Amino acid sequence: MTGASRSTILVVDDETDICDLVSYNLGREGYRVLQEHDGKAALDHVFRSAPELLILDLLLPKMSGLEVLGAIRGEPRTRSLPVILLTARGTEMDKLVGFERGADDYLTKPFSPKELVARVRAILRRSGGEATKTPAKLGPFRIDRARHEIHVHDRELTLTRTEYRLLECLLHEPGRVLSREQLLDKVWGLGYFGETRTVDVHIRRVRAKLGRDARLIRTVTGVGYAIEIGKK
């Protein structure tokens, strides 16, 4: 039994051959893979018994993948569930819409089994709550690593796991400018296949949730981002 065997993954696609391909490749790595083939069944499954990771196609019968994702993010019990979007579409706009709705990662068909496994491993690794030296209290922020929660001015932020990791990473080194490449490595994992634009979209989501405190995240043009705790 490997460490992966303790993780359950739900793959949702109306094409059974895609589900079978994902199941085969992840099953070989020791993961327990379950399948659903329409959006409503997928959402019912997640609300009934949430997996450790959801691999979700965008084009589904009964409910679209984006509708399923929105419902998951709107429910406190499942809002931090890691989600990889799986779709035949590969345009920049599709990716951005998926990230704006709260997806953690994006995989375009056709995909290589190696890339699939790498992305799943990266997400589950960072969802495991690796210990950091981030202080429990930093300026207006309070970090509860056990619960994967961050509060600002005693207000809990409703963050996805990826958003949590991104903000925690910035808080770990206040004032230091981290490049987009560094953030991809620290938050998404070594060897991540994605684009630096991914970071920008997630930063925008975190800022929206910070509200009036969004100014605490400083953009350094052409470089990356830093968090300024003492900024007024």
C-alpha atoms as a PDB file:
ATOM      1  CA  MET A   1       0.000   0.000   0.000  1.00  0.00           C
ATOM      2  CA  THR A   2       1.439   3.367  -1.019  1.00  0.00           C
ATOM      3  CA  GLY A   3       0.650   6.816   0.315  1.00  0.00           C
ATOM      4  CA  ALA A   4      -1.351   7.438  -2.836  1.00  0.00           C
ATOM      5  CA  SER A   5      -3.652   4.524  -2.039  1.00  0.00           C
ATOM      6  CA  ARG A   6      -5.201   6.527   0.783  1.00  0.00           C
ATOM      7  CA  SER A   7      -6.401   9.235  -1.618  1.00  0.00           C
ATOM      8  CA  THR A   8      -9.742   8.950  -3.399  1.00  0.00           C
ATOM      9  CA  ILE A   9     -10.152  10.753  -6.718  1.00  0.00           C
ATOM     10  CA  LEU A  10     -13.464  11.325  -8.488  1.00  0.00           C
ATOM     11  CA  VAL A  11     -13.222  11.698 -12.264  1.00  0.00           C
ATOM     12  CA  VAL A  12     -16.253  13.114 -14.075  1.00  0.00           C
ATOM     13  CA  ASP A  13     -16.593  12.899 -17.840  1.00  0.00           C
ATOM     14  CA  ASP A  14     -19.438  11.783 -20.105  1.00  0.00           C
ATOM     15  CA  GLU A  15     -16.907   9.918 -22.254  1.00  0.00           C
ATOM     16  CA  THR A  16     -16.372   6.581 -20.540  1.00  0.00           C
ATOM     17  CA  ASP A  17     -13.118   5.955 -22.395  1.00  0.00           C
ATOM     18  CA  ILE A  18     -11.650   9.137 -20.873  1.00  0.00           C
ATOM     19  CA  CYS A  19     -12.801   8.089 -17.412  1.00  0.00           C
ATOM     20  CA  ASP A  20     -11.314   4.643 -17.955  1.00  0.00           C
ATOM     21  CA  LEU A  21      -8.018   6.118 -19.171  1.00  0.00           C
ATOM     22  CA  VAL A  22      -7.747   8.383 -16.116  1.00  0.00           C
ATOM     23  CA  SER A  23      -8.777   5.568 -13.798  1.00  0.00           C
ATOM     24  CA  TYR A  24      -6.214   3.181 -15.278  1.00  0.00           C
ATOM     25  CA  ASN A  25      -3.278   5.570 -15.047  1.00  0.00           C
ATOM     26  CA  LEU A  26      -4.070   6.843 -11.569  1.00  0.00           C
ATOM     27  CA  GLY A  27      -4.984   3.368 -10.369  1.00  0.00           C
ATOM     28  CA  ARG A  28      -1.509   2.174 -11.346  1.00  0.00           C
ATOM     29  CA  GLU A  29      -0.122   4.824  -8.997  1.00  0.00           C
ATOM     30  CA  GLY A  30      -2.154   3.480  -6.101  1.00  0.00           C
ATOM     31  CA  TYR A  31      -5.012   5.979  -6.095  1.00  0.00           C
ATOM     32  CA  ARG A  32      -8.623   4.913  -5.575  1.00  0.00           C
ATOM     33  CA  VAL A  33     -10.530   6.302  -8.559  1.00  0.00           C
ATOM     34  CA  LEU A  34     -14.313   6.625  -8.792  1.00  0.00           C
ATOM     35  CA  GLN A  35     -16.348   7.735 -11.806  1.00  0.00           C
ATOM     36  CA  GLU A  36     -19.456   9.771 -12.589  1.00  0.00           C
ATOM     37  CA  HIS A  37     -20.719  10.688 -16.048  1.00  0.00           C
ATOM     38  CA  ASP A  38     -22.960  13.740 -15.652  1.00  0.00           C
ATOM     39  CA  GLY A  39     -22.811  16.960 -13.675  1.00  0.00           C
ATOM     40  CA  LYS A  40     -25.755  16.333 -11.359  1.00  0.00           C
ATOM     41  CA  ALA A  41     -24.516  12.873 -10.361  1.00  0.00           C
ATOM     42  CA  ALA A  42     -21.064  14.342  -9.755  1.00  0.00           C
ATOM     43  CA  LEU A  43     -22.390  17.089  -7.483  1.00  0.00           C
ATOM     44  CA  ASP A  44     -24.568  14.635  -5.544  1.00  0.00           C
ATOM     45  CA  HIS A  45     -21.534  12.382  -5.108  1.00  0.00           C
ATOM     46  CA  VAL A  46     -19.324  15.221  -3.838  1.00  0.00           C
ATOM     47  CA  PHE A  47     -21.928  16.455  -1.368  1.00  0.00           C
ATOM     48  CA  ARG A  48     -22.586  12.912  -0.183  1.00  0.00           C
ATOM     49  CA  SER A  49     -18.973  11.797   0.142  1.00  0.00           C
ATOM     50  CA  ALA A  50     -16.294  14.255  -0.952  1.00  0.00           C
ATOM     51  CA  PRO A  51     -13.121  12.794  -2.492  1.00  0.00           C
ATOM     52  CA  GLU A  52      -9.630  14.176  -1.915  1.00  0.00           C
ATOM     53  CA  LEU A  53      -9.531  15.446  -5.508  1.00  0.00           C
ATOM     54  CA  LEU A  54     -12.053  16.067  -8.290  1.00  0.00           C
ATOM     55  CA  ILE A  55     -11.134  15.805 -11.978  1.00  0.00           C
ATOM     56  CA  LEU A  56     -14.000  17.535 -13.765  1.00  0.00           C
ATOM     57  CA  ASP A  57     -14.838  17.888 -17.461  1.00  0.00           C
ATOM     58  CA  LEU A  58     -16.402  21.195 -18.533  1.00  0.00           C
ATOM     59  CA  LEU A  59     -18.887  19.819 -21.067  1.00  0.00           C
ATOM     60  CA  LEU A  60     -21.250  17.561 -19.123  1.00  0.00           C
ATOM     61  CA  PRO A  61     -24.931  16.608 -19.446  1.00  0.00           C
ATOM     62  CA  LYS A  62     -27.496  17.849 -16.872  1.00  0.00           C
ATOM     63  CA  MET A  63     -25.060  20.365 -15.303  1.00  0.00           C
ATOM     64  CA  SER A  64     -21.964  21.879 -16.864  1.00  0.00           C
ATOM     65  CA  GLY A  65     -18.598  21.534 -15.204  1.00  0.00           C
ATOM     66  CA  LEU A  66     -18.596  25.248 -14.372  1.00  0.00           C
ATOM     67  CA  GLU A  67     -22.004  24.925 -12.699  1.00  0.00           C
ATOM     68  CA  VAL A  68     -20.730  21.995 -10.649  1.00  0.00           C
ATOM     69  CA  LEU A  69     -17.603  23.929  -9.712  1.00  0.00           C
ATOM     70  CA  GLY A  70     -19.654  26.963  -8.674  1.00  0.00           C
ATOM     71  CA  ALA A  71     -21.887  24.849  -6.445  1.00  0.00           C
ATOM     72  CA  ILE A  72     -18.870  23.186  -4.825  1.00  0.00           C
ATOM     73  CA  ARG A  73     -17.173  26.514  -4.135  1.00  0.00           C
ATOM     74  CA  GLY A  74     -20.408  27.932  -2.737  1.00  0.00           C
ATOM     75  CA  GLU A  75     -20.772  25.203  -0.115  1.00  0.00           C
ATOM     76  CA  PRO A  76     -18.578  25.628   3.005  1.00  0.00           C
ATOM     77  CA  ARG A  77     -18.047  21.874   3.374  1.00  0.00           C
ATOM     78  CA  THR A  78     -16.550  21.540  -0.100  1.00  0.00           C
ATOM     79  CA  ARG A  79     -15.185  24.982  -0.957  1.00  0.00           C
ATOM     80  CA  SER A  80     -11.566  23.853  -0.451  1.00  0.00           C
ATOM     81  CA  LEU A  81     -11.895  20.638  -2.471  1.00  0.00           C
ATOM     82  CA  PRO A  82      -9.055  20.557  -5.052  1.00  0.00           C
ATOM     83  CA  VAL A  83     -10.432  20.570  -8.611  1.00  0.00           C
ATOM     84  CA  ILE A  84      -8.668  19.906 -11.906  1.00  0.00           C
ATOM     85  CA  LEU A  85     -10.695  20.897 -14.959  1.00  0.00           C
ATOM     86  CA  LEU A  86     -10.504  18.443 -17.827  1.00  0.00           C
ATOM     87  CA  THR A  87     -11.666  19.572 -21.246  1.00  0.00           C
ATOM     88  CA  ALA A  88     -11.079  19.349 -24.964  1.00  0.00           C
ATOM     89  CA  ARG A  89     -10.944  23.124 -25.127  1.00  0.00           C
ATOM     90  CA  GLY A  90      -7.544  24.723 -24.980  1.00  0.00           C
ATOM     91  CA  THR A  91      -8.084  28.436 -25.444  1.00  0.00           C
ATOM     92  CA  GLU A  92      -6.709  31.009 -23.033  1.00  0.00           C
ATOM     93  CA  MET A  93     -10.226  32.280 -22.298  1.00  0.00           C
ATOM     94  CA  ASP A  94     -11.461  28.839 -21.222  1.00  0.00           C
ATOM     95  CA  LYS A  95      -8.540  28.513 -18.832  1.00  0.00           C
ATOM     96  CA  LEU A  96      -9.099  31.941 -17.343  1.00  0.00           C
ATOM     97  CA  VAL A  97     -12.826  31.352 -16.862  1.00  0.00           C
ATOM     98  CA  GLY A  98     -12.065  28.069 -15.111  1.00  0.00           C
ATOM     99  CA  PHE A  99      -9.546  29.692 -12.781  1.00  0.00           C
ATOM    100  CA  GLU A 100     -11.863  32.629 -12.114  1.00  0.00           C
ATOM    101  CA  ARG A 101     -14.527  30.148 -11.002  1.00  0.00           C
ATOM    102  CA  GLY A 102     -12.101  28.560  -8.545  1.00  0.00           C
ATOM    103  CA  ALA A 103     -10.388  25.686 -10.383  1.00  0.00           C
ATOM    104  CA  ASP A 104      -6.996  24.705  -8.984  1.00  0.00           C
ATOM    105  CA  ASP A 105      -5.550  23.386 -12.211  1.00  0.00           C
ATOM    106  CA  TYR A 106      -6.382  22.708 -15.841  1.00  0.00           C
ATOM    107  CA  LEU A 107      -5.662  19.751 -18.113  1.00  0.00           C
ATOM    108  CA  THR A 108      -6.455  19.851 -21.830  1.00  0.00           C
ATOM    109  CA  LYS A 109      -7.368  16.773 -23.859  1.00  0.00           C
ATOM    110  CA  PRO A 110      -5.512  14.987 -25.235  1.00  0.00           C
ATOM    111  CA  PHE A 111      -3.176  14.750 -22.261  1.00  0.00           C
ATOM    112  CA  SER A 112      -0.237  12.529 -21.481  1.00  0.00           C
ATOM    113  CA  PRO A 113      -0.552  10.055 -18.589  1.00  0.00           C
ATOM    114  CA  LYS A 114       2.735  11.421 -17.219  1.00  0.00           C
ATOM    115  CA  GLU A 115       1.345  14.956 -17.087  1.00  0.00           C
ATOM    116  CA  LEU A 116      -1.895  13.746 -15.497  1.00  0.00           C
ATOM    117  CA  VAL A 117      -0.062  11.908 -12.718  1.00  0.00           C
ATOM    118  CA  ALA A 118       2.338  14.815 -12.147  1.00  0.00           C
ATOM    119  CA  ARG A 119      -0.478  17.313 -11.701  1.00  0.00           C
ATOM    120  CA  VAL A 120      -2.463  15.015  -9.414  1.00  0.00           C
ATOM    121  CA  ARG A 121       0.584  14.387  -7.255  1.00  0.00           C
ATOM    122  CA  ALA A 122       1.369  18.105  -7.034  1.00  0.00           C
ATOM    123  CA  ILE A 123      -2.151  19.042  -5.962  1.00  0.00           C
ATOM    124  CA  LEU A 124      -2.486  16.266  -3.398  1.00  0.00           C
ATOM    125  CA  ARG A 125       0.969  17.038  -2.009  1.00  0.00           C
ATOM    126  CA  ARG A 126       0.162  20.675  -1.409  1.00  0.00           C
ATOM    127  CA  SER A 127      -3.314  19.799  -0.097  1.00  0.00           C
ATOM    128  CA  GLY A 128      -1.691  17.665   2.571  1.00  0.00           C
ATOM    129  CA  GLY A 129      -0.835  20.679   4.674  1.00  0.00           C
ATOM    130  CA  GLU A 130       2.934  20.643   4.607  1.00  0.00           C
ATOM    131  CA  ALA A 131       4.338  22.445   7.628  1.00  0.00           C
ATOM    132  CA  THR A 132       5.809  25.896   7.153  1.00  0.00           C
ATOM    133  CA  LYS A 133       7.361  28.488   9.449  1.00  0.00           C
ATOM    134  CA  THR A 134       4.618  31.008   8.756  1.00  0.00           C
ATOM    135  CA  PRO A 135       3.773  32.778  12.036  1.00  0.00           C
ATOM    136  CA  ALA A 136       0.276  32.331  13.414  1.00  0.00           C
ATOM    137  CA  LYS A 137      -0.182  36.126  13.571  1.00  0.00           C
ATOM    138  CA  LEU A 138       1.255  38.614  11.122  1.00  0.00           C
ATOM    139  CA  GLY A 139      -0.093  42.153  10.965  1.00  0.00           C
ATOM    140  CA  PRO A 140      -3.852  41.951  10.360  1.00  0.00           C
ATOM    141  CA  PHE A 141      -3.552  38.291   9.336  1.00  0.00           C
ATOM    142  CA  ARG A 142      -4.063  35.214  11.492  1.00  0.00           C
ATOM    143  CA  ILE A 143      -3.152  31.841  10.003  1.00  0.00           C
ATOM    144  CA  ASP A 144      -4.672  28.592  11.245  1.00  0.00           C
ATOM    145  CA  ARG A 145      -2.600  25.955   9.460  1.00  0.00           C
ATOM    146  CA  ALA A 146      -4.436  23.020  11.029  1.00  0.00           C
ATOM    147  CA  ARG A 147      -7.730  24.209   9.544  1.00  0.00           C
ATOM    148  CA  HIS A 148      -6.220  25.741   6.385  1.00  0.00           C
ATOM    149  CA  GLU A 149      -7.806  29.071   7.279  1.00  0.00           C
ATOM    150  CA  ILE A 150      -6.580  32.651   7.073  1.00  0.00           C
ATOM    151  CA  HIS A 151      -8.333  35.534   8.824  1.00  0.00           C
ATOM    152  CA  VAL A 152      -7.794  39.224   8.142  1.00  0.00           C
ATOM    153  CA  HIS A 153      -8.967  41.654  10.835  1.00  0.00           C
ATOM    154  CA  ASP A 154     -10.744  38.654  12.456  1.00  0.00           C
ATOM    155  CA  ARG A 155     -12.694  37.982   9.239  1.00  0.00           C
ATOM    156  CA  GLU A 156     -12.250  34.511   7.788  1.00  0.00           C
ATOM    157  CA  LEU A 157     -11.376  34.484   4.097  1.00  0.00           C
ATOM    158  CA  THR A 158     -13.252  31.887   2.037  1.00  0.00           C
ATOM    159  CA  LEU A 159     -10.239  30.554   0.154  1.00  0.00           C
ATOM    160  CA  THR A 160      -9.770  27.523  -2.024  1.00  0.00           C
ATOM    161  CA  ARG A 161      -6.762  25.360  -1.150  1.00  0.00           C
ATOM    162  CA  THR A 162      -4.709  26.926  -3.904  1.00  0.00           C
ATOM    163  CA  GLU A 163      -5.644  30.451  -2.840  1.00  0.00           C
ATOM    164  CA  TYR A 164      -4.754  29.553   0.733  1.00  0.00           C
ATOM    165  CA  ARG A 165      -1.350  28.239  -0.318  1.00  0.00           C
ATOM    166  CA  LEU A 166      -0.693  31.319  -2.436  1.00  0.00           C
ATOM    167  CA  LEU A 167      -1.513  33.786   0.336  1.00  0.00           C
ATOM    168  CA  GLU A 168       0.334  31.725   2.946  1.00  0.00           C
ATOM    169  CA  CYS A 169       3.387  31.675   0.677  1.00  0.00           C
ATOM    170  CA  LEU A 170       3.386  35.471   0.428  1.00  0.00           C
ATOM    171  CA  LEU A 171       2.860  35.802   4.185  1.00  0.00           C
ATOM    172  CA  HIS A 172       5.789  33.489   4.813  1.00  0.00           C
ATOM    173  CA  GLU A 173       8.139  36.147   3.414  1.00  0.00           C
ATOM    174  CA  PRO A 174       6.477  39.554   3.939  1.00  0.00           C
ATOM    175  CA  GLY A 175       8.021  42.344   1.894  1.00  0.00           C
ATOM    176  CA  ARG A 176       9.942  39.987  -0.379  1.00  0.00           C
ATOM    177  CA  VAL A 177       9.040  40.079  -4.055  1.00  0.00           C
ATOM    178  CA  LEU A 178       8.323  36.575  -5.358  1.00  0.00           C
ATOM    179  CA  SER A 179       8.377  36.054  -9.098  1.00  0.00           C
ATOM    180  CA  ARG A 180       5.547  34.284 -10.866  1.00  0.00           C
ATOM    181  CA  GLU A 181       7.898  31.371 -11.555  1.00  0.00           C
ATOM    182  CA  GLN A 182       8.769  31.117  -7.855  1.00  0.00           C
ATOM    183  CA  LEU A 183       5.108  31.155  -6.903  1.00  0.00           C
ATOM    184  CA  LEU A 184       4.302  28.468  -9.472  1.00  0.00           C
ATOM    185  CA  ASP A 185       7.046  26.311  -7.976  1.00  0.00           C
ATOM    186  CA  LYS A 186       6.082  26.927  -4.335  1.00  0.00           C
ATOM    187  CA  VAL A 187       2.302  26.755  -4.724  1.00  0.00           C
ATOM    188  CA  TRP A 188       1.671  24.477  -7.700  1.00  0.00           C
ATOM    189  CA  GLY A 189       4.722  22.282  -7.281  1.00  0.00           C
ATOM    190  CA  LEU A 190       8.079  21.551  -8.883  1.00  0.00           C
ATOM    191  CA  GLY A 191       7.760  20.704 -12.548  1.00  0.00           C
ATOM    192  CA  TYR A 192       4.335  22.335 -12.931  1.00  0.00           C
ATOM    193  CA  PHE A 193       3.315  22.474 -16.584  1.00  0.00           C
ATOM    194  CA  GLY A 194       1.197  25.599 -16.352  1.00  0.00           C
ATOM    195  CA  GLU A 195       1.619  29.211 -17.399  1.00  0.00           C
ATOM    196  CA  THR A 196       2.583  32.205 -15.280  1.00  0.00           C
ATOM    197  CA  ARG A 197      -0.790  33.791 -16.145  1.00  0.00           C
ATOM    198  CA  THR A 198      -2.240  31.233 -13.727  1.00  0.00           C
ATOM    199  CA  VAL A 199      -0.630  33.155 -10.859  1.00  0.00           C
ATOM    200  CA  ASP A 200      -2.155  36.462 -11.979  1.00  0.00           C
ATOM    201  CA  VAL A 201      -5.662  35.016 -12.051  1.00  0.00           C
ATOM    202  CA  HIS A 202      -5.339  33.526  -8.565  1.00  0.00           C
ATOM    203  CA  ILE A 203      -3.849  36.743  -7.177  1.00  0.00           C
ATOM    204  CA  ARG A 204      -6.861  38.601  -8.578  1.00  0.00           C
ATOM    205  CA  ARG A 205      -9.198  36.167  -6.817  1.00  0.00           C
ATOM    206  CA  VAL A 206      -7.356  36.529  -3.508  1.00  0.00           C
ATOM    207  CA  ARG A 207      -7.446  40.335  -3.786  1.00  0.00           C
ATOM    208  CA  ALA A 208     -11.190  40.243  -4.442  1.00  0.00           C
ATOM    209  CA  LYS A 209     -11.679  38.233  -1.259  1.00  0.00           C
ATOM    210  CA  LEU A 210      -9.432  40.589   0.731  1.00  0.00           C
ATOM    211  CA  GLY A 211     -11.694  43.493  -0.224  1.00  0.00           C
ATOM    212  CA  ARG A 212     -10.358  46.765   1.188  1.00  0.00           C
ATOM    213  CA  ASP A 213      -7.178  44.930   2.231  1.00  0.00           C
ATOM    214  CA  ALA A 214      -6.382  43.962  -1.371  1.00  0.00           C
ATOM    215  CA  ARG A 215      -3.807  46.781  -1.405  1.00  0.00           C
ATOM    216  CA  LEU A 216      -1.631  44.696   0.923  1.00  0.00           C
ATOM    217  CA  ILE A 217      -0.614  42.583  -2.087  1.00  0.00           C
ATOM    218  CA  ARG A 218       1.759  44.681  -4.163  1.00  0.00           C
ATOM    219  CA  THR A 219       2.361  44.059  -7.862  1.00  0.00           C
ATOM    220  CA  VAL A 220       5.928  44.528  -9.074  1.00  0.00           C
ATOM    221  CA  THR A 221       5.558  45.047 -12.815  1.00  0.00           C
ATOM    222  CA  GLY A 222       7.397  42.477 -14.885  1.00  0.00           C
ATOM    223  CA  VAL A 223       8.504  40.541 -11.796  1.00  0.00           C
ATOM    224  CA  GLY A 224       5.826  39.254  -9.454  1.00  0.00           C
ATOM    225  CA  TYR A 225       4.128  40.000  -6.131  1.00  0.00           C
ATOM    226  CA  ALA A 226       4.889  40.864  -2.517  1.00  0.00           C
ATOM    227  CA  ILE A 227       2.748  41.295   0.575  1.00  0.00           C
ATOM    228  CA  GLU A 228       3.273  44.493   2.558  1.00  0.00           C
ATOM    229  CA  ILE A 229       2.056  44.040   6.118  1.00  0.00           C
ATOM    230  CA  GLY A 230       2.732  47.607   7.200  1.00  0.00           C
ATOM    231  CA  LYS A 231       1.063  49.204   4.175  1.00  0.00           C
ATOM    232  CA  LYS A 232      -1.613  51.769   4.981  1.00  0.00           C
END
